[in-house]
Amino acid sequence: MEQRKHWWNGKWGRAARKDVYLRVSGDQWYVEQRAGGTDGVSHFFEYESEEAALDTVRALLAAPGDWRELSVRPPTR
């Protein structure tokens, strides 16, 4: 699975931090919505097209916060 994008709401701390990830594996697209940092709770969404996944990302990023895109680390080989 390859991570394509990562957004963060700009807040620190388990109670306030939220992350949104866009990932792809083959023809399947995945969106992860995580609240609470690395130990937080995640919700996963699966799509058959990038555009459908991006529709969900746009809806999630409409939530309050100073959303910013973080750079994605290149895959390790």
PDB file of N, CA and C in Angstrom:
ATOM      1  N   MET A   1       0.851  -1.174   0.000  1.00  0.00           N
ATOM      2  CA  MET A   1       0.000   0.000   0.000  1.00  0.00           C
ATOM      3  C   MET A   1       0.894   1.234   0.000  1.00  0.00           C
ATOM      4  N   GLU A   2       0.576   2.165  -0.854  1.00  0.00           N
ATOM      5  CA  GLU A   2       1.369   3.395  -0.986  1.00  0.00           C
ATOM      6  C   GLU A   2       0.586   4.590  -0.439  1.00  0.00           C
ATOM      7  N   GLN A   3       1.218   5.332   0.430  1.00  0.00           N
ATOM      8  CA  GLN A   3       0.594   6.551   0.951  1.00  0.00           C
ATOM      9  C   GLN A   3       0.836   7.677  -0.040  1.00  0.00           C
ATOM     10  N   ARG A   4      -0.247   8.321  -0.480  1.00  0.00           N
ATOM     11  CA  ARG A   4      -0.139   9.392  -1.463  1.00  0.00           C
ATOM     12  C   ARG A   4      -0.178  10.784  -0.836  1.00  0.00           C
ATOM     13  N   LYS A   5      -1.035  10.967   0.174  1.00  0.00           N
ATOM     14  CA  LYS A   5      -1.194  12.290   0.798  1.00  0.00           C
ATOM     15  C   LYS A   5      -1.452  12.123   2.289  1.00  0.00           C
ATOM     16  N   HIS A   6      -1.134  13.199   3.037  1.00  0.00           N
ATOM     17  CA  HIS A   6      -1.373  13.221   4.484  1.00  0.00           C
ATOM     18  C   HIS A   6      -1.696  14.664   4.865  1.00  0.00           C
ATOM     19  N   TRP A   7      -2.803  14.843   5.574  1.00  0.00           N
ATOM     20  CA  TRP A   7      -3.195  16.158   6.078  1.00  0.00           C
ATOM     21  C   TRP A   7      -3.300  16.083   7.596  1.00  0.00           C
ATOM     22  N   TRP A   8      -3.051  17.214   8.242  1.00  0.00           N
ATOM     23  CA  TRP A   8      -3.073  17.323   9.704  1.00  0.00           C
ATOM     24  C   TRP A   8      -3.818  18.603  10.054  1.00  0.00           C
ATOM     25  N   ASN A   9      -4.603  18.580  11.131  1.00  0.00           N
ATOM     26  CA  ASN A   9      -5.412  19.747  11.492  1.00  0.00           C
ATOM     27  C   ASN A   9      -4.636  20.835  12.240  1.00  0.00           C
ATOM     28  N   GLY A  10      -3.333  20.656  12.427  1.00  0.00           N
ATOM     29  CA  GLY A  10      -2.507  21.704  13.024  1.00  0.00           C
ATOM     30  C   GLY A  10      -2.566  21.772  14.540  1.00  0.00           C
ATOM     31  N   LYS A  11      -3.182  20.786  15.178  1.00  0.00           N
ATOM     32  CA  LYS A  11      -3.307  20.817  16.642  1.00  0.00           C
ATOM     33  C   LYS A  11      -2.492  19.697  17.256  1.00  0.00           C
ATOM     34  N   TRP A  12      -1.886  19.999  18.394  1.00  0.00           N
ATOM     35  CA  TRP A  12      -1.081  19.025  19.130  1.00  0.00           C
ATOM     36  C   TRP A  12      -1.907  18.419  20.245  1.00  0.00           C
ATOM     37  N   GLY A  13      -1.532  17.240  20.654  1.00  0.00           N
ATOM     38  CA  GLY A  13      -2.194  16.592  21.776  1.00  0.00           C
ATOM     39  C   GLY A  13      -3.206  15.562  21.330  1.00  0.00           C
ATOM     40  N   ARG A  14      -3.308  14.501  22.118  1.00  0.00           N
ATOM     41  CA  ARG A  14      -4.192  13.393  21.743  1.00  0.00           C
ATOM     42  C   ARG A  14      -5.644  13.809  21.601  1.00  0.00           C
ATOM     43  N   ALA A  15      -6.089  14.729  22.431  1.00  0.00           N
ATOM     44  CA  ALA A  15      -7.500  15.110  22.389  1.00  0.00           C
ATOM     45  C   ALA A  15      -7.846  15.962  21.170  1.00  0.00           C
ATOM     46  N   ALA A  16      -6.863  16.663  20.601  1.00  0.00           N
ATOM     47  CA  ALA A  16      -7.168  17.624  19.544  1.00  0.00           C
ATOM     48  C   ALA A  16      -6.669  17.225  18.155  1.00  0.00           C
ATOM     49  N   ARG A  17      -5.623  16.417  18.090  1.00  0.00           N
ATOM     50  CA  ARG A  17      -5.004  16.118  16.789  1.00  0.00           C
ATOM     51  C   ARG A  17      -5.896  15.228  15.932  1.00  0.00           C
ATOM     52  N   LYS A  18      -5.958  15.586  14.636  1.00  0.00           N
ATOM     53  CA  LYS A  18      -6.666  14.772  13.649  1.00  0.00           C
ATOM     54  C   LYS A  18      -5.792  14.683  12.395  1.00  0.00           C
ATOM     55  N   ASP A  19      -5.802  13.516  11.774  1.00  0.00           N
ATOM     56  CA  ASP A  19      -5.048  13.277  10.549  1.00  0.00           C
ATOM     57  C   ASP A  19      -5.955  12.616   9.522  1.00  0.00           C
ATOM     58  N   VAL A  20      -5.685  12.902   8.251  1.00  0.00           N
ATOM     59  CA  VAL A  20      -6.375  12.261   7.142  1.00  0.00           C
ATOM     60  C   VAL A  20      -5.302  11.768   6.177  1.00  0.00           C
ATOM     61  N   TYR A  21      -5.409  10.505   5.774  1.00  0.00           N
ATOM     62  CA  TYR A  21      -4.439   9.889   4.871  1.00  0.00           C
ATOM     63  C   TYR A  21      -5.152   9.396   3.618  1.00  0.00           C
ATOM     64  N   LEU A  22      -4.493   9.555   2.482  1.00  0.00           N
ATOM     65  CA  LEU A  22      -4.961   8.994   1.216  1.00  0.00           C
ATOM     66  C   LEU A  22      -3.939   7.958   0.778  1.00  0.00           C
ATOM     67  N   ARG A  23      -4.416   6.726   0.555  1.00  0.00           N
ATOM     68  CA  ARG A  23      -3.515   5.629   0.172  1.00  0.00           C
ATOM     69  C   ARG A  23      -4.101   4.873  -1.010  1.00  0.00           C
ATOM     70  N   VAL A  24      -3.221   4.166  -1.712  1.00  0.00           N
ATOM     71  CA  VAL A  24      -3.652   3.370  -2.860  1.00  0.00           C
ATOM     72  C   VAL A  24      -2.930   2.026  -2.838  1.00  0.00           C
ATOM     73  N   SER A  25      -3.649   1.005  -3.259  1.00  0.00           N
ATOM     74  CA  SER A  25      -3.075  -0.328  -3.428  1.00  0.00           C
ATOM     75  C   SER A  25      -3.743  -0.947  -4.651  1.00  0.00           C
ATOM     76  N   GLY A  26      -2.971  -1.086  -5.713  1.00  0.00           N
ATOM     77  CA  GLY A  26      -3.558  -1.583  -6.960  1.00  0.00           C
ATOM     78  C   GLY A  26      -4.606  -0.612  -7.460  1.00  0.00           C
ATOM     79  N   ASP A  27      -5.833  -1.104  -7.654  1.00  0.00           N
ATOM     80  CA  ASP A  27      -6.940  -0.260  -8.127  1.00  0.00           C
ATOM     81  C   ASP A  27      -7.818   0.258  -6.995  1.00  0.00           C
ATOM     82  N   GLN A  28      -7.469  -0.060  -5.761  1.00  0.00           N
ATOM     83  CA  GLN A  28      -8.272   0.357  -4.610  1.00  0.00           C
ATOM     84  C   GLN A  28      -7.664   1.579  -3.937  1.00  0.00           C
ATOM     85  N   TRP A  29      -8.535   2.510  -3.578  1.00  0.00           N
ATOM     86  CA  TRP A  29      -8.139   3.736  -2.886  1.00  0.00           C
ATOM     87  C   TRP A  29      -8.690   3.696  -1.476  1.00  0.00           C
ATOM     88  N   TYR A  30      -7.903   4.198  -0.532  1.00  0.00           N
ATOM     89  CA  TYR A  30      -8.268   4.153   0.884  1.00  0.00           C
ATOM     90  C   TYR A  30      -8.088   5.525   1.514  1.00  0.00           C
ATOM     91  N   VAL A  31      -9.027   5.884   2.369  1.00  0.00           N
ATOM     92  CA  VAL A  31      -8.936   7.098   3.173  1.00  0.00           C
ATOM     93  C   VAL A  31      -8.973   6.655   4.629  1.00  0.00           C
ATOM     94  N   GLU A  32      -8.025   7.168   5.403  1.00  0.00           N
ATOM     95  CA  GLU A  32      -8.019   6.912   6.844  1.00  0.00           C
ATOM     96  C   GLU A  32      -8.234   8.243   7.548  1.00  0.00           C
ATOM     97  N   GLN A  33      -9.194   8.277   8.442  1.00  0.00           N
ATOM     98  CA  GLN A  33      -9.439   9.434   9.297  1.00  0.00           C
ATOM     99  C   GLN A  33      -9.038   9.012  10.705  1.00  0.00           C
ATOM    100  N   ARG A  34      -8.027   9.692  11.267  1.00  0.00           N
ATOM    101  CA  ARG A  34      -7.516   9.313  12.588  1.00  0.00           C
ATOM    102  C   ARG A  34      -7.666  10.481  13.552  1.00  0.00           C
ATOM    103  N   ALA A  35      -8.162  10.209  14.730  1.00  0.00           N
ATOM    104  CA  ALA A  35      -8.264  11.208  15.796  1.00  0.00           C
ATOM    105  C   ALA A  35      -7.412  10.741  16.960  1.00  0.00           C
ATOM    106  N   GLY A  36      -6.562  11.636  17.474  1.00  0.00           N
ATOM    107  CA  GLY A  36      -5.783  11.311  18.655  1.00  0.00           C
ATOM    108  C   GLY A  36      -4.342  10.930  18.419  1.00  0.00           C
ATOM    109  N   GLY A  37      -3.790  11.229  17.261  1.00  0.00           N
ATOM    110  CA  GLY A  37      -2.380  10.931  17.009  1.00  0.00           C
ATOM    111  C   GLY A  37      -2.146   9.457  16.725  1.00  0.00           C
ATOM    112  N   THR A  38      -0.896   9.019  16.872  1.00  0.00           N
ATOM    113  CA  THR A  38      -0.534   7.651  16.491  1.00  0.00           C
ATOM    114  C   THR A  38      -1.257   6.586  17.294  1.00  0.00           C
ATOM    115  N   ASP A  39      -1.630   6.883  18.515  1.00  0.00           N
ATOM    116  CA  ASP A  39      -2.360   5.919  19.339  1.00  0.00           C
ATOM    117  C   ASP A  39      -3.867   6.138  19.296  1.00  0.00           C
ATOM    118  N   GLY A  40      -4.317   6.966  18.376  1.00  0.00           N
ATOM    119  CA  GLY A  40      -5.725   7.336  18.316  1.00  0.00           C
ATOM    120  C   GLY A  40      -6.602   6.294  17.643  1.00  0.00           C
ATOM    121  N   VAL A  41      -7.822   6.688  17.400  1.00  0.00           N
ATOM    122  CA  VAL A  41      -8.831   5.828  16.790  1.00  0.00           C
ATOM    123  C   VAL A  41      -8.962   6.200  15.316  1.00  0.00           C
ATOM    124  N   SER A  42      -8.978   5.184  14.451  1.00  0.00           N
ATOM    125  CA  SER A  42      -9.076   5.417  13.012  1.00  0.00           C
ATOM    126  C   SER A  42     -10.382   4.872  12.456  1.00  0.00           C
ATOM    127  N   HIS A  43     -10.857   5.560  11.415  1.00  0.00           N
ATOM    128  CA  HIS A  43     -11.972   5.073  10.598  1.00  0.00           C
ATOM    129  C   HIS A  43     -11.427   4.950   9.181  1.00  0.00           C
ATOM    130  N   PHE A  44     -11.783   3.860   8.499  1.00  0.00           N
ATOM    131  CA  PHE A  44     -11.256   3.593   7.169  1.00  0.00           C
ATOM    132  C   PHE A  44     -12.386   3.569   6.154  1.00  0.00           C
ATOM    133  N   PHE A  45     -12.088   4.093   4.973  1.00  0.00           N
ATOM    134  CA  PHE A  45     -13.026   4.128   3.864  1.00  0.00           C
ATOM    135  C   PHE A  45     -12.311   3.563   2.640  1.00  0.00           C
ATOM    136  N   GLU A  46     -13.007   2.758   1.838  1.00  0.00           N
ATOM    137  CA  GLU A  46     -12.417   2.113   0.664  1.00  0.00           C
ATOM    138  C   GLU A  46     -13.199   2.514  -0.582  1.00  0.00           C
ATOM    139  N   TYR A  47     -12.469   2.813  -1.667  1.00  0.00           N
ATOM    140  CA  TYR A  47     -13.086   3.297  -2.902  1.00  0.00           C
ATOM    141  C   TYR A  47     -12.458   2.635  -4.120  1.00  0.00           C
ATOM    142  N   GLU A  48     -13.199   2.647  -5.201  1.00  0.00           N
ATOM    143  CA  GLU A  48     -12.701   2.080  -6.453  1.00  0.00           C
ATOM    144  C   GLU A  48     -12.096   3.129  -7.369  1.00  0.00           C
ATOM    145  N   SER A  49     -12.174   4.409  -6.986  1.00  0.00           N
ATOM    146  CA  SER A  49     -11.569   5.457  -7.818  1.00  0.00           C
ATOM    147  C   SER A  49     -10.926   6.526  -6.934  1.00  0.00           C
ATOM    148  N   GLU A  50      -9.917   7.162  -7.492  1.00  0.00           N
ATOM    149  CA  GLU A  50      -9.245   8.243  -6.774  1.00  0.00           C
ATOM    150  C   GLU A  50     -10.203   9.398  -6.519  1.00  0.00           C
ATOM    151  N   GLU A  51     -11.031   9.719  -7.501  1.00  0.00           N
ATOM    152  CA  GLU A  51     -11.950  10.855  -7.349  1.00  0.00           C
ATOM    153  C   GLU A  51     -12.938  10.629  -6.213  1.00  0.00           C
ATOM    154  N   ALA A  52     -13.448   9.413  -6.083  1.00  0.00           N
ATOM    155  CA  ALA A  52     -14.368   9.110  -4.976  1.00  0.00           C
ATOM    156  C   ALA A  52     -13.661   9.257  -3.634  1.00  0.00           C
ATOM    157  N   ALA A  53     -12.415   8.790  -3.560  1.00  0.00           N
ATOM    158  CA  ALA A  53     -11.643   8.931  -2.324  1.00  0.00           C
ATOM    159  C   ALA A  53     -11.390  10.402  -2.012  1.00  0.00           C
ATOM    160  N   LEU A  54     -11.063  11.179  -3.048  1.00  0.00           N
ATOM    161  CA  LEU A  54     -10.800  12.611  -2.838  1.00  0.00           C
ATOM    162  C   LEU A  54     -12.062  13.361  -2.418  1.00  0.00           C
ATOM    163  N   ASP A  55     -13.231  12.914  -2.861  1.00  0.00           N
ATOM    164  CA  ASP A  55     -14.483  13.528  -2.398  1.00  0.00           C
ATOM    165  C   ASP A  55     -14.601  13.396  -0.884  1.00  0.00           C
ATOM    166  N   THR A  56     -14.256  12.226  -0.361  1.00  0.00           N
ATOM    167  CA  THR A  56     -14.300  12.016   1.087  1.00  0.00           C
ATOM    168  C   THR A  56     -13.249  12.857   1.784  1.00  0.00           C
ATOM    169  N   VAL A  57     -12.047  12.922   1.221  1.00  0.00           N
ATOM    170  CA  VAL A  57     -10.988  13.754   1.807  1.00  0.00           C
ATOM    171  C   VAL A  57     -11.453  15.200   1.897  1.00  0.00           C
ATOM    172  N   ARG A  58     -12.026  15.730   0.823  1.00  0.00           N
ATOM    173  CA  ARG A  58     -12.491  17.128   0.833  1.00  0.00           C
ATOM    174  C   ARG A  58     -13.545  17.341   1.914  1.00  0.00           C
ATOM    175  N   ALA A  59     -14.442  16.391   2.073  1.00  0.00           N
ATOM    176  CA  ALA A  59     -15.477  16.516   3.113  1.00  0.00           C
ATOM    177  C   ALA A  59     -14.847  16.492   4.510  1.00  0.00           C
ATOM    178  N   LEU A  60     -13.872  15.624   4.714  1.00  0.00           N
ATOM    179  CA  LEU A  60     -13.217  15.551   6.027  1.00  0.00           C
ATOM    180  C   LEU A  60     -12.429  16.822   6.329  1.00  0.00           C
ATOM    181  N   LEU A  61     -11.791  17.395   5.312  1.00  0.00           N
ATOM    182  CA  LEU A  61     -10.992  18.601   5.523  1.00  0.00           C
ATOM    183  C   LEU A  61     -11.851  19.849   5.688  1.00  0.00           C
ATOM    184  N   ALA A  62     -13.146  19.726   5.477  1.00  0.00           N
ATOM    185  CA  ALA A  62     -14.055  20.852   5.702  1.00  0.00           C
ATOM    186  C   ALA A  62     -14.305  21.055   7.200  1.00  0.00           C
ATOM    187  N   ALA A  63     -13.886  20.104   8.015  1.00  0.00           N
ATOM    188  CA  ALA A  63     -14.034  20.222   9.474  1.00  0.00           C
ATOM    189  C   ALA A  63     -13.156  21.350   9.987  1.00  0.00           C
ATOM    190  N   PRO A  64     -13.517  21.956  11.124  1.00  0.00           N
ATOM    191  CA  PRO A  64     -12.704  23.039  11.668  1.00  0.00           C
ATOM    192  C   PRO A  64     -11.256  22.598  11.916  1.00  0.00           C
ATOM    193  N   GLY A  65     -10.361  23.526  11.732  1.00  0.00           N
ATOM    194  CA  GLY A  65      -8.937  23.270  11.956  1.00  0.00           C
ATOM    195  C   GLY A  65      -8.106  24.008  10.929  1.00  0.00           C
ATOM    196  N   ASP A  66      -6.846  24.112  11.212  1.00  0.00           N
ATOM    197  CA  ASP A  66      -5.898  24.745  10.300  1.00  0.00           C
ATOM    198  C   ASP A  66      -5.250  23.639   9.472  1.00  0.00           C
ATOM    199  N   TRP A  67      -6.048  22.993   8.616  1.00  0.00           N
ATOM    200  CA  TRP A  67      -5.592  21.831   7.861  1.00  0.00           C
ATOM    201  C   TRP A  67      -4.434  22.192   6.945  1.00  0.00           C
ATOM    202  N   ARG A  68      -3.416  21.341   6.977  1.00  0.00           N
ATOM    203  CA  ARG A  68      -2.264  21.521   6.097  1.00  0.00           C
ATOM    204  C   ARG A  68      -1.802  20.164   5.604  1.00  0.00           C
ATOM    205  N   GLU A  69      -1.305  20.168   4.385  1.00  0.00           N
ATOM    206  CA  GLU A  69      -0.789  18.929   3.819  1.00  0.00           C
ATOM    207  C   GLU A  69       0.645  18.734   4.279  1.00  0.00           C
ATOM    208  N   LEU A  70       0.937  17.536   4.752  1.00  0.00           N
ATOM    209  CA  LEU A  70       2.292  17.184   5.154  1.00  0.00           C
ATOM    210  C   LEU A  70       2.935  16.391   4.033  1.00  0.00           C
ATOM    211  N   SER A  71       4.230  16.515   3.896  1.00  0.00           N
ATOM    212  CA  SER A  71       4.907  15.767   2.832  1.00  0.00           C
ATOM    213  C   SER A  71       4.934  14.290   3.189  1.00  0.00           C
ATOM    214  N   VAL A  72       4.848  13.494   2.152  1.00  0.00           N
ATOM    215  CA  VAL A  72       4.833  12.045   2.302  1.00  0.00           C
ATOM    216  C   VAL A  72       6.257  11.542   2.113  1.00  0.00           C
ATOM    217  N   ARG A  73       6.679  10.664   2.996  1.00  0.00           N
ATOM    218  CA  ARG A  73       8.010  10.064   2.864  1.00  0.00           C
ATOM    219  C   ARG A  73       8.035   9.124   1.678  1.00  0.00           C
ATOM    220  N   PRO A  74       9.102   9.155   0.898  1.00  0.00           N
ATOM    221  CA  PRO A  74       9.190   8.198  -0.212  1.00  0.00           C
ATOM    222  C   PRO A  74       9.251   6.772   0.320  1.00  0.00           C
ATOM    223  N   PRO A  75       8.722   5.814  -0.441  1.00  0.00           N
ATOM    224  CA  PRO A  75       8.748   4.433   0.044  1.00  0.00           C
ATOM    225  C   PRO A  75      10.192   3.937   0.211  1.00  0.00           C
ATOM    226  N   THR A  76      10.407   3.124   1.233  1.00  0.00           N
ATOM    227  CA  THR A  76      11.725   2.532   1.438  1.00  0.00           C
ATOM    228  C   THR A  76      11.836   1.275   0.589  1.00  0.00           C
ATOM    229  N   ARG A  77      13.001   1.052   0.066  1.00  0.00           N
ATOM    230  CA  ARG A  77      13.189  -0.112  -0.817  1.00  0.00           C
ATOM    231  C   ARG A  77      14.170  -1.057  -0.234  1.00  0.00           C
TER     232      ARG A  77
END
